Amino acid sequence: MILYFAKSAEITGLRSETISVPQEIKALQLWKEIETRHPGLADVRNQIIFAVRQEYVELGDQLLLLQPGDEIAVIPPISGG
């Protein structure tokens, strides 16, 4: 399940969605799959925090081993105050 927060929720119009991807997928490939569904996310790609099972993941060649029900979060930067 993909969870969208703040700006990413605004862009997608969703708070969450379930997608089908290979069980073994590189982090950047997973992001590209999400971006294909929601092209507007390309605008925030370099600003987001990507988390898989509540652990931050770099958008690169890291291989993810996903299980059914895993949560992937798309979190835009949070302003400090």
Protein backbone atom coordinates (compact mmCIF):
# COMPACT_ATOMS: atom_id res chain seq x y z
CA MET A 1 0.00 0.00 0.00
CA ILE A 2 1.26 3.42 -0.93
CA LEU A 3 0.56 6.18 1.62
CA TYR A 4 0.63 9.79 0.47
CA PHE A 5 1.19 12.69 2.85
CA ALA A 6 0.86 16.48 2.54
CA LYS A 7 1.84 17.75 -0.93
CA SER A 8 1.99 14.22 -2.40
CA ALA A 9 -1.62 13.64 -1.27
CA GLU A 10 -2.63 16.93 -2.89
CA ILE A 11 -0.92 15.98 -6.16
CA THR A 12 -2.39 12.48 -6.33
CA GLY A 13 -5.76 13.33 -4.86
CA LEU A 14 -5.33 10.23 -2.67
CA ARG A 15 -4.31 9.43 0.88
CA SER A 16 -3.46 5.83 -0.08
CA GLU A 17 -3.72 3.26 -2.84
CA THR A 18 -2.73 -0.32 -3.48
CA ILE A 19 -0.63 -1.15 -6.53
CA SER A 20 0.88 -4.37 -7.89
CA VAL A 21 4.63 -4.45 -8.42
CA PRO A 22 7.20 -7.25 -8.48
CA GLN A 23 8.15 -8.59 -5.05
CA GLU A 24 11.79 -7.73 -5.81
CA ILE A 25 12.12 -4.22 -7.16
CA LYS A 26 14.71 -1.48 -6.92
CA ALA A 27 13.65 1.61 -4.98
CA LEU A 28 13.99 3.87 -8.02
CA GLN A 29 11.93 1.47 -10.16
CA LEU A 30 9.19 1.51 -7.53
CA TRP A 31 9.23 5.31 -7.49
CA LYS A 32 9.01 5.38 -11.30
CA GLU A 33 5.99 3.06 -11.15
CA ILE A 34 4.30 5.45 -8.71
CA GLU A 35 5.32 8.47 -10.80
CA THR A 36 3.88 6.84 -13.95
CA ARG A 37 0.50 6.65 -12.20
CA HIS A 38 0.80 10.22 -10.90
CA PRO A 39 3.03 12.30 -13.24
CA GLY A 40 2.63 15.39 -11.04
CA LEU A 41 4.84 13.73 -8.44
CA ALA A 42 7.83 14.32 -10.73
CA ASP A 43 7.76 17.93 -9.49
CA VAL A 44 8.54 16.86 -5.91
CA ARG A 45 10.77 13.86 -6.63
CA ASN A 46 13.97 15.51 -5.38
CA GLN A 47 12.25 16.77 -2.24
CA ILE A 48 10.37 13.74 -0.95
CA ILE A 49 11.27 11.23 1.70
CA PHE A 50 10.52 7.68 0.63
CA ALA A 51 9.93 5.08 3.33
CA VAL A 52 9.32 1.34 3.11
CA ARG A 53 8.03 -0.39 6.25
CA GLN A 54 8.71 2.85 8.15
CA GLU A 55 12.40 2.92 7.15
CA TYR A 56 13.80 5.67 4.95
CA VAL A 57 15.01 4.50 1.55
CA GLU A 58 17.18 6.30 -1.00
CA LEU A 59 15.65 6.52 -4.47
CA GLY A 60 18.40 4.50 -6.12
CA ASP A 61 19.51 0.98 -6.90
CA GLN A 62 18.69 -0.46 -3.47
CA LEU A 63 16.82 -3.72 -3.97
CA LEU A 64 13.59 -3.93 -2.00
CA LEU A 65 12.03 -7.25 -1.06
CA LEU A 66 8.37 -6.41 -0.68
CA GLN A 67 5.77 -8.52 1.05
CA PRO A 68 1.99 -8.25 0.62
CA GLY A 69 0.70 -5.51 2.88
CA ASP A 70 3.98 -3.58 3.12
CA GLU A 71 3.49 0.15 3.51
CA ILE A 72 5.39 2.55 1.30
CA ALA A 73 5.16 6.21 2.31
CA VAL A 74 5.70 9.25 0.10
CA ILE A 75 6.48 12.12 2.46
CA PRO A 76 7.23 15.63 1.19
CA PRO A 77 9.61 17.80 3.19
CA ILE A 78 8.20 19.08 6.44
CA SER A 79 8.80 22.72 7.28
CA GLY A 80 10.40 23.40 10.62
CA GLY A 81 9.37 26.29 12.74
